[in-house]
Amino acid sequence: MASTPQQQQQQIRAAQKAADAAERRERLKRALPATVELLQSRQADRIDDNDIEAYVGLNWLEWHGGGLRLTITGRNVCAQSASTALA
């Protein structure tokens, strides 16, 4: 059974949305080590609010006592990034 033009448009939009999300996640992954450095040097105000929301949504950062901290998942992402950079 053939797809209607409307169904094809929906599939294209869904594919584009998935590609955009994957691209954003990859950008955040590359930026995470620098973000962690900003947190450690108490310069969290230099991190874009949208990026903070995205990191929290990905469970890479979490709010704790009014501040941000790296989660176990975030540590693993950083470790993977470091091992990829060394390879």
PDB file of N, CA and C in Angstrom:
ATOM      1  N   MET A   1       0.835  -1.170   0.000  1.00  0.00           N
ATOM      2  CA  MET A   1       0.000   0.000   0.000  1.00  0.00           C
ATOM      3  C   MET A   1       0.890   1.248   0.000  1.00  0.00           C
ATOM      4  N   ALA A   2       0.625   2.178  -0.876  1.00  0.00           N
ATOM      5  CA  ALA A   2       1.429   3.393  -1.013  1.00  0.00           C
ATOM      6  C   ALA A   2       1.045   4.426   0.043  1.00  0.00           C
ATOM      7  N   SER A   3       2.025   5.201   0.438  1.00  0.00           N
ATOM      8  CA  SER A   3       1.792   6.273   1.406  1.00  0.00           C
ATOM      9  C   SER A   3       1.168   7.464   0.705  1.00  0.00           C
ATOM     10  N   THR A   4       0.340   8.181   1.438  1.00  0.00           N
ATOM     11  CA  THR A   4      -0.235   9.406   0.909  1.00  0.00           C
ATOM     12  C   THR A   4       0.807  10.514   1.037  1.00  0.00           C
ATOM     13  N   PRO A   5       0.650  11.584   0.278  1.00  0.00           N
ATOM     14  CA  PRO A   5       1.593  12.711   0.413  1.00  0.00           C
ATOM     15  C   PRO A   5       1.659  13.244   1.848  1.00  0.00           C
ATOM     16  N   GLN A   6       0.535  13.251   2.542  1.00  0.00           N
ATOM     17  CA  GLN A   6       0.525  13.728   3.927  1.00  0.00           C
ATOM     18  C   GLN A   6       1.354  12.804   4.822  1.00  0.00           C
ATOM     19  N   GLN A   7       1.226  11.503   4.628  1.00  0.00           N
ATOM     20  CA  GLN A   7       2.009  10.555   5.414  1.00  0.00           C
ATOM     21  C   GLN A   7       3.498  10.696   5.108  1.00  0.00           C
ATOM     22  N   GLN A   8       3.815  10.933   3.857  1.00  0.00           N
ATOM     23  CA  GLN A   8       5.214  11.117   3.472  1.00  0.00           C
ATOM     24  C   GLN A   8       5.793  12.364   4.131  1.00  0.00           C
ATOM     25  N   GLN A   9       5.016  13.450   4.154  1.00  0.00           N
ATOM     26  CA  GLN A   9       5.458  14.672   4.813  1.00  0.00           C
ATOM     27  C   GLN A   9       5.686  14.445   6.302  1.00  0.00           C
ATOM     28  N   GLN A  10       4.797  13.692   6.937  1.00  0.00           N
ATOM     29  CA  GLN A  10       4.947  13.390   8.358  1.00  0.00           C
ATOM     30  C   GLN A  10       6.211  12.576   8.603  1.00  0.00           C
ATOM     31  N   GLN A  11       6.491  11.629   7.719  1.00  0.00           N
ATOM     32  CA  GLN A  11       7.694  10.807   7.853  1.00  0.00           C
ATOM     33  C   GLN A  11       8.955  11.657   7.674  1.00  0.00           C
ATOM     34  N   ILE A  12       8.913  12.582   6.733  1.00  0.00           N
ATOM     35  CA  ILE A  12      10.054  13.468   6.493  1.00  0.00           C
ATOM     36  C   ILE A  12      10.287  14.354   7.710  1.00  0.00           C
ATOM     37  N   ARG A  13       9.207  14.920   8.262  1.00  0.00           N
ATOM     38  CA  ARG A  13       9.338  15.769   9.444  1.00  0.00           C
ATOM     39  C   ARG A  13       9.875  14.973  10.636  1.00  0.00           C
ATOM     40  N   ALA A  14       9.395  13.755  10.811  1.00  0.00           N
ATOM     41  CA  ALA A  14       9.856  12.920  11.914  1.00  0.00           C
ATOM     42  C   ALA A  14      11.335  12.576  11.748  1.00  0.00           C
ATOM     43  N   ALA A  15      11.748  12.272  10.525  1.00  0.00           N
ATOM     44  CA  ALA A  15      13.155  11.956  10.267  1.00  0.00           C
ATOM     45  C   ALA A  15      14.036  13.177  10.510  1.00  0.00           C
ATOM     46  N   GLN A  16      13.574  14.353  10.091  1.00  0.00           N
ATOM     47  CA  GLN A  16      14.341  15.577  10.302  1.00  0.00           C
ATOM     48  C   GLN A  16      14.451  15.901  11.790  1.00  0.00           C
ATOM     49  N   LYS A  17      13.366  15.698  12.512  1.00  0.00           N
ATOM     50  CA  LYS A  17      13.374  15.956  13.952  1.00  0.00           C
ATOM     51  C   LYS A  17      14.361  15.019  14.650  1.00  0.00           C
ATOM     52  N   ALA A  18      14.385  13.750  14.255  1.00  0.00           N
ATOM     53  CA  ALA A  18      15.315  12.790  14.837  1.00  0.00           C
ATOM     54  C   ALA A  18      16.763  13.164  14.509  1.00  0.00           C
ATOM     55  N   ALA A  19      17.009  13.592  13.281  1.00  0.00           N
ATOM     56  CA  ALA A  19      18.358  13.993  12.876  1.00  0.00           C
ATOM     57  C   ALA A  19      18.806  15.230  13.656  1.00  0.00           C
ATOM     58  N   ASP A  20      17.909  16.187  13.840  1.00  0.00           N
ATOM     59  CA  ASP A  20      18.229  17.397  14.611  1.00  0.00           C
ATOM     60  C   ASP A  20      18.555  17.043  16.063  1.00  0.00           C
ATOM     61  N   ALA A  21      17.772  16.125  16.644  1.00  0.00           N
ATOM     62  CA  ALA A  21      18.002  15.717  18.032  1.00  0.00           C
ATOM     63  C   ALA A  21      19.351  15.010  18.167  1.00  0.00           C
ATOM     64  N   ALA A  22      19.680  14.165  17.209  1.00  0.00           N
ATOM     65  CA  ALA A  22      20.960  13.454  17.244  1.00  0.00           C
ATOM     66  C   ALA A  22      22.129  14.428  17.102  1.00  0.00           C
ATOM     67  N   GLU A  23      21.970  15.423  16.240  1.00  0.00           N
ATOM     68  CA  GLU A  23      23.013  16.432  16.048  1.00  0.00           C
ATOM     69  C   GLU A  23      23.210  17.259  17.317  1.00  0.00           C
ATOM     70  N   ARG A  24      22.114  17.638  17.946  1.00  0.00           N
ATOM     71  CA  ARG A  24      22.192  18.423  19.187  1.00  0.00           C
ATOM     72  C   ARG A  24      22.845  17.607  20.295  1.00  0.00           C
ATOM     73  N   ARG A  25      22.472  16.343  20.393  1.00  0.00           N
ATOM     74  CA  ARG A  25      23.053  15.468  21.418  1.00  0.00           C
ATOM     75  C   ARG A  25      24.564  15.325  21.197  1.00  0.00           C
ATOM     76  N   GLU A  26      24.978  15.185  19.970  1.00  0.00           N
ATOM     77  CA  GLU A  26      26.409  15.067  19.674  1.00  0.00           C
ATOM     78  C   GLU A  26      27.152  16.361  20.024  1.00  0.00           C
ATOM     79  N   ARG A  27      26.545  17.498  19.725  1.00  0.00           N
ATOM     80  CA  ARG A  27      27.150  18.788  20.075  1.00  0.00           C
ATOM     81  C   ARG A  27      27.295  18.908  21.586  1.00  0.00           C
ATOM     82  N   LEU A  28      26.245  18.521  22.313  1.00  0.00           N
ATOM     83  CA  LEU A  28      26.295  18.576  23.774  1.00  0.00           C
ATOM     84  C   LEU A  28      27.355  17.622  24.320  1.00  0.00           C
ATOM     85  N   LYS A  29      27.478  16.455  23.701  1.00  0.00           N
ATOM     86  CA  LYS A  29      28.481  15.480  24.131  1.00  0.00           C
ATOM     87  C   LYS A  29      29.886  16.051  23.978  1.00  0.00           C
ATOM     88  N   ARG A  30      30.146  16.707  22.851  1.00  0.00           N
ATOM     89  CA  ARG A  30      31.462  17.313  22.623  1.00  0.00           C
ATOM     90  C   ARG A  30      31.730  18.454  23.599  1.00  0.00           C
ATOM     91  N   ALA A  31      30.680  19.177  23.986  1.00  0.00           N
ATOM     92  CA  ALA A  31      30.832  20.341  24.870  1.00  0.00           C
ATOM     93  C   ALA A  31      30.826  19.977  26.347  1.00  0.00           C
ATOM     94  N   LEU A  32      30.457  18.758  26.689  1.00  0.00           N
ATOM     95  CA  LEU A  32      30.317  18.390  28.102  1.00  0.00           C
ATOM     96  C   LEU A  32      31.605  18.558  28.909  1.00  0.00           C
ATOM     97  N   PRO A  33      32.772  18.144  28.436  1.00  0.00           N
ATOM     98  CA  PRO A  33      33.983  18.349  29.247  1.00  0.00           C
ATOM     99  C   PRO A  33      34.231  19.832  29.580  1.00  0.00           C
ATOM    100  N   ALA A  34      34.016  20.719  28.635  1.00  0.00           N
ATOM    101  CA  ALA A  34      34.188  22.154  28.898  1.00  0.00           C
ATOM    102  C   ALA A  34      33.133  22.651  29.883  1.00  0.00           C
ATOM    103  N   THR A  35      31.934  22.115  29.783  1.00  0.00           N
ATOM    104  CA  THR A  35      30.866  22.472  30.716  1.00  0.00           C
ATOM    105  C   THR A  35      31.231  22.045  32.127  1.00  0.00           C
ATOM    106  N   VAL A  36      31.794  20.858  32.257  1.00  0.00           N
ATOM    107  CA  VAL A  36      32.210  20.361  33.570  1.00  0.00           C
ATOM    108  C   VAL A  36      33.298  21.267  34.150  1.00  0.00           C
ATOM    109  N   GLU A  37      34.222  21.702  33.313  1.00  0.00           N
ATOM    110  CA  GLU A  37      35.261  22.625  33.777  1.00  0.00           C
ATOM    111  C   GLU A  37      34.660  23.929  34.291  1.00  0.00           C
ATOM    112  N   LEU A  38      33.640  24.431  33.592  1.00  0.00           N
ATOM    113  CA  LEU A  38      32.977  25.650  34.056  1.00  0.00           C
ATOM    114  C   LEU A  38      32.303  25.427  35.408  1.00  0.00           C
ATOM    115  N   LEU A  39      31.687  24.269  35.574  1.00  0.00           N
ATOM    116  CA  LEU A  39      31.048  23.958  36.859  1.00  0.00           C
ATOM    117  C   LEU A  39      32.088  23.876  37.970  1.00  0.00           C
ATOM    118  N   GLN A  40      33.196  23.222  37.697  1.00  0.00           N
ATOM    119  CA  GLN A  40      34.239  23.055  38.720  1.00  0.00           C
ATOM    120  C   GLN A  40      34.885  24.383  39.099  1.00  0.00           C
ATOM    121  N   SER A  41      34.936  25.305  38.144  1.00  0.00           N
ATOM    122  CA  SER A  41      35.525  26.618  38.439  1.00  0.00           C
ATOM    123  C   SER A  41      34.465  27.636  38.868  1.00  0.00           C
ATOM    124  N   ARG A  42      33.273  27.121  39.173  1.00  0.00           N
ATOM    125  CA  ARG A  42      32.160  27.949  39.661  1.00  0.00           C
ATOM    126  C   ARG A  42      31.785  29.066  38.690  1.00  0.00           C
ATOM    127  N   GLN A  43      31.732  28.705  37.411  1.00  0.00           N
ATOM    128  CA  GLN A  43      31.343  29.652  36.370  1.00  0.00           C
ATOM    129  C   GLN A  43      30.125  29.139  35.591  1.00  0.00           C
ATOM    130  N   ALA A  44      29.206  28.532  36.302  1.00  0.00           N
ATOM    131  CA  ALA A  44      28.019  27.964  35.660  1.00  0.00           C
ATOM    132  C   ALA A  44      27.199  29.012  34.920  1.00  0.00           C
ATOM    133  N   ASP A  45      27.341  30.277  35.309  1.00  0.00           N
ATOM    134  CA  ASP A  45      26.593  31.341  34.639  1.00  0.00           C
ATOM    135  C   ASP A  45      27.020  31.496  33.173  1.00  0.00           C
ATOM    136  N   ARG A  46      28.145  30.919  32.795  1.00  0.00           N
ATOM    137  CA  ARG A  46      28.620  30.992  31.412  1.00  0.00           C
ATOM    138  C   ARG A  46      28.049  29.878  30.532  1.00  0.00           C
ATOM    139  N   ILE A  47      27.277  28.954  31.146  1.00  0.00           N
ATOM    140  CA  ILE A  47      26.650  27.857  30.403  1.00  0.00           C
ATOM    141  C   ILE A  47      25.276  28.323  29.938  1.00  0.00           C
ATOM    142  N   ASP A  48      24.987  28.136  28.668  1.00  0.00           N
ATOM    143  CA  ASP A  48      23.698  28.533  28.102  1.00  0.00           C
ATOM    144  C   ASP A  48      22.556  27.815  28.826  1.00  0.00           C
ATOM    145  N   ASP A  49      21.509  28.561  29.160  1.00  0.00           N
ATOM    146  CA  ASP A  49      20.359  27.988  29.866  1.00  0.00           C
ATOM    147  C   ASP A  49      19.729  26.826  29.100  1.00  0.00           C
ATOM    148  N   ASN A  50      19.648  26.947  27.783  1.00  0.00           N
ATOM    149  CA  ASN A  50      19.073  25.862  26.976  1.00  0.00           C
ATOM    150  C   ASN A  50      19.937  24.605  27.042  1.00  0.00           C
ATOM    151  N   ASP A  51      21.250  24.796  27.091  1.00  0.00           N
ATOM    152  CA  ASP A  51      22.141  23.644  27.213  1.00  0.00           C
ATOM    153  C   ASP A  51      21.974  22.982  28.578  1.00  0.00           C
ATOM    154  N   ILE A  52      21.823  23.796  29.618  1.00  0.00           N
ATOM    155  CA  ILE A  52      21.600  23.223  30.950  1.00  0.00           C
ATOM    156  C   ILE A  52      20.336  22.378  30.955  1.00  0.00           C
ATOM    157  N   GLU A  53      19.270  22.907  30.388  1.00  0.00           N
ATOM    158  CA  GLU A  53      18.012  22.144  30.308  1.00  0.00           C
ATOM    159  C   GLU A  53      18.214  20.841  29.551  1.00  0.00           C
ATOM    160  N   ALA A  54      18.959  20.910  28.451  1.00  0.00           N
ATOM    161  CA  ALA A  54      19.202  19.714  27.646  1.00  0.00           C
ATOM    162  C   ALA A  54      20.038  18.699  28.425  1.00  0.00           C
ATOM    163  N   TYR A  55      21.081  19.165  29.114  1.00  0.00           N
ATOM    164  CA  TYR A  55      21.912  18.258  29.910  1.00  0.00           C
ATOM    165  C   TYR A  55      21.097  17.591  31.017  1.00  0.00           C
ATOM    166  N   VAL A  56      20.249  18.362  31.679  1.00  0.00           N
ATOM    167  CA  VAL A  56      19.396  17.797  32.724  1.00  0.00           C
ATOM    168  C   VAL A  56      18.421  16.799  32.102  1.00  0.00           C
ATOM    169  N   GLY A  57      17.859  17.143  30.939  1.00  0.00           N
ATOM    170  CA  GLY A  57      16.941  16.235  30.247  1.00  0.00           C
ATOM    171  C   GLY A  57      17.598  14.926  29.827  1.00  0.00           C
ATOM    172  N   LEU A  58      18.881  14.998  29.500  1.00  0.00           N
ATOM    173  CA  LEU A  58      19.627  13.795  29.124  1.00  0.00           C
ATOM    174  C   LEU A  58      20.148  13.034  30.342  1.00  0.00           C
ATOM    175  N   ASN A  59      19.951  13.606  31.533  1.00  0.00           N
ATOM    176  CA  ASN A  59      20.436  13.042  32.788  1.00  0.00           C
ATOM    177  C   ASN A  59      21.962  13.036  32.859  1.00  0.00           C
ATOM    178  N   TRP A  60      22.583  14.043  32.236  1.00  0.00           N
ATOM    179  CA  TRP A  60      24.035  14.185  32.317  1.00  0.00           C
ATOM    180  C   TRP A  60      24.406  15.137  33.446  1.00  0.00           C
ATOM    181  N   LEU A  61      23.514  16.078  33.762  1.00  0.00           N
ATOM    182  CA  LEU A  61      23.660  16.977  34.896  1.00  0.00           C
ATOM    183  C   LEU A  61      22.390  16.899  35.723  1.00  0.00           C
ATOM    184  N   GLU A  62      22.519  17.242  37.003  1.00  0.00           N
ATOM    185  CA  GLU A  62      21.336  17.283  37.858  1.00  0.00           C
ATOM    186  C   GLU A  62      21.460  18.463  38.814  1.00  0.00           C
ATOM    187  N   TRP A  63      20.296  18.938  39.247  1.00  0.00           N
ATOM    188  CA  TRP A  63      20.266  20.003  40.244  1.00  0.00           C
ATOM    189  C   TRP A  63      20.427  19.350  41.604  1.00  0.00           C
ATOM    190  N   HIS A  64      21.293  19.942  42.423  1.00  0.00           N
ATOM    191  CA  HIS A  64      21.529  19.403  43.760  1.00  0.00           C
ATOM    192  C   HIS A  64      21.824  20.571  44.692  1.00  0.00           C
ATOM    193  N   GLY A  65      20.934  20.802  45.638  1.00  0.00           N
ATOM    194  CA  GLY A  65      21.140  21.874  46.611  1.00  0.00           C
ATOM    195  C   GLY A  65      21.299  23.246  45.976  1.00  0.00           C
ATOM    196  N   GLY A  66      20.567  23.510  44.917  1.00  0.00           N
ATOM    197  CA  GLY A  66      20.637  24.814  44.257  1.00  0.00           C
ATOM    198  C   GLY A  66      21.766  24.945  43.256  1.00  0.00           C
ATOM    199  N   GLY A  67      22.556  23.897  43.086  1.00  0.00           N
ATOM    200  CA  GLY A  67      23.649  23.927  42.114  1.00  0.00           C
ATOM    201  C   GLY A  67      23.560  22.741  41.170  1.00  0.00           C
ATOM    202  N   LEU A  68      24.366  22.787  40.152  1.00  0.00           N
ATOM    203  CA  LEU A  68      24.410  21.700  39.184  1.00  0.00           C
ATOM    204  C   LEU A  68      25.573  20.781  39.493  1.00  0.00           C
ATOM    205  N   ARG A  69      25.369  19.502  39.241  1.00  0.00           N
ATOM    206  CA  ARG A  69      26.476  18.565  39.356  1.00  0.00           C
ATOM    207  C   ARG A  69      26.339  17.492  38.280  1.00  0.00           C
ATOM    208  N   LEU A  70      27.455  16.896  37.968  1.00  0.00           N
ATOM    209  CA  LEU A  70      27.524  15.837  36.973  1.00  0.00           C
ATOM    210  C   LEU A  70      26.923  14.566  37.547  1.00  0.00           C
ATOM    211  N   THR A  71      26.129  13.876  36.750  1.00  0.00           N
ATOM    212  CA  THR A  71      25.560  12.596  37.181  1.00  0.00           C
ATOM    213  C   THR A  71      26.524  11.468  36.809  1.00  0.00           C
ATOM    214  N   ILE A  72      26.206  10.275  37.239  1.00  0.00           N
ATOM    215  CA  ILE A  72      27.008   9.108  36.856  1.00  0.00           C
ATOM    216  C   ILE A  72      26.966   8.944  35.343  1.00  0.00           C
ATOM    217  N   THR A  73      25.809   9.132  34.762  1.00  0.00           N
ATOM    218  CA  THR A  73      25.687   9.048  33.304  1.00  0.00           C
ATOM    219  C   THR A  73      26.573  10.094  32.641  1.00  0.00           C
ATOM    220  N   GLY A  74      26.566  11.310  33.175  1.00  0.00           N
ATOM    221  CA  GLY A  74      27.404  12.373  32.644  1.00  0.00           C
ATOM    222  C   GLY A  74      28.881  12.035  32.747  1.00  0.00           C
ATOM    223  N   ARG A  75      29.281  11.427  33.872  1.00  0.00           N
ATOM    224  CA  ARG A  75      30.682  11.004  34.025  1.00  0.00           C
ATOM    225  C   ARG A  75      31.051   9.973  32.974  1.00  0.00           C
ATOM    226  N   ASN A  76      30.132   9.050  32.719  1.00  0.00           N
ATOM    227  CA  ASN A  76      30.390   8.026  31.703  1.00  0.00           C
ATOM    228  C   ASN A  76      30.517   8.639  30.314  1.00  0.00           C
ATOM    229  N   VAL A  77      29.679   9.615  30.011  1.00  0.00           N
ATOM    230  CA  VAL A  77      29.755  10.294  28.712  1.00  0.00           C
ATOM    231  C   VAL A  77      31.102  11.006  28.582  1.00  0.00           C
ATOM    232  N   CYS A  78      31.533  11.672  29.634  1.00  0.00           N
ATOM    233  CA  CYS A  78      32.845  12.336  29.624  1.00  0.00           C
ATOM    234  C   CYS A  78      33.965  11.323  29.423  1.00  0.00           C
ATOM    235  N   ALA A  79      33.884  10.201  30.116  1.00  0.00           N
ATOM    236  CA  ALA A  79      34.907   9.165  29.999  1.00  0.00           C
ATOM    237  C   ALA A  79      34.953   8.603  28.577  1.00  0.00           C
ATOM    238  N   GLN A  80      33.783   8.402  27.979  1.00  0.00           N
ATOM    239  CA  GLN A  80      33.728   7.920  26.593  1.00  0.00           C
ATOM    240  C   GLN A  80      34.336   8.940  25.651  1.00  0.00           C
ATOM    241  N   SER A  81      34.045  10.203  25.877  1.00  0.00           N
ATOM    242  CA  SER A  81      34.597  11.262  25.039  1.00  0.00           C
ATOM    243  C   SER A  81      36.112  11.295  25.149  1.00  0.00           C
ATOM    244  N   ALA A  82      36.629  11.136  26.356  1.00  0.00           N
ATOM    245  CA  ALA A  82      38.073  11.161  26.568  1.00  0.00           C
ATOM    246  C   ALA A  82      38.745   9.968  25.900  1.00  0.00           C
ATOM    247  N   SER A  83      38.130   8.788  26.002  1.00  0.00           N
ATOM    248  CA  SER A  83      38.727   7.612  25.379  1.00  0.00           C
ATOM    249  C   SER A  83      38.651   7.675  23.862  1.00  0.00           C
ATOM    250  N   THR A  84      37.605   8.302  23.336  1.00  0.00           N
ATOM    251  CA  THR A  84      37.482   8.487  21.887  1.00  0.00           C
ATOM    252  C   THR A  84      38.533   9.471  21.400  1.00  0.00           C
ATOM    253  N   ALA A  85      38.793  10.511  22.169  1.00  0.00           N
ATOM    254  CA  ALA A  85      39.784  11.510  21.779  1.00  0.00           C
ATOM    255  C   ALA A  85      41.195  10.927  21.775  1.00  0.00           C
ATOM    256  N   LEU A  86      41.453   9.948  22.639  1.00  0.00           N
ATOM    257  CA  LEU A  86      42.764   9.327  22.720  1.00  0.00           C
ATOM    258  C   LEU A  86      42.984   8.304  21.613  1.00  0.00           C
ATOM    259  N   ALA A  87      41.905   7.748  21.086  1.00  0.00           N
ATOM    260  CA  ALA A  87      42.012   6.685  20.060  1.00  0.00           C
ATOM    261  C   ALA A  87      42.424   7.240  18.711  1.00  0.00           C
TER     262      ALA A  87
END
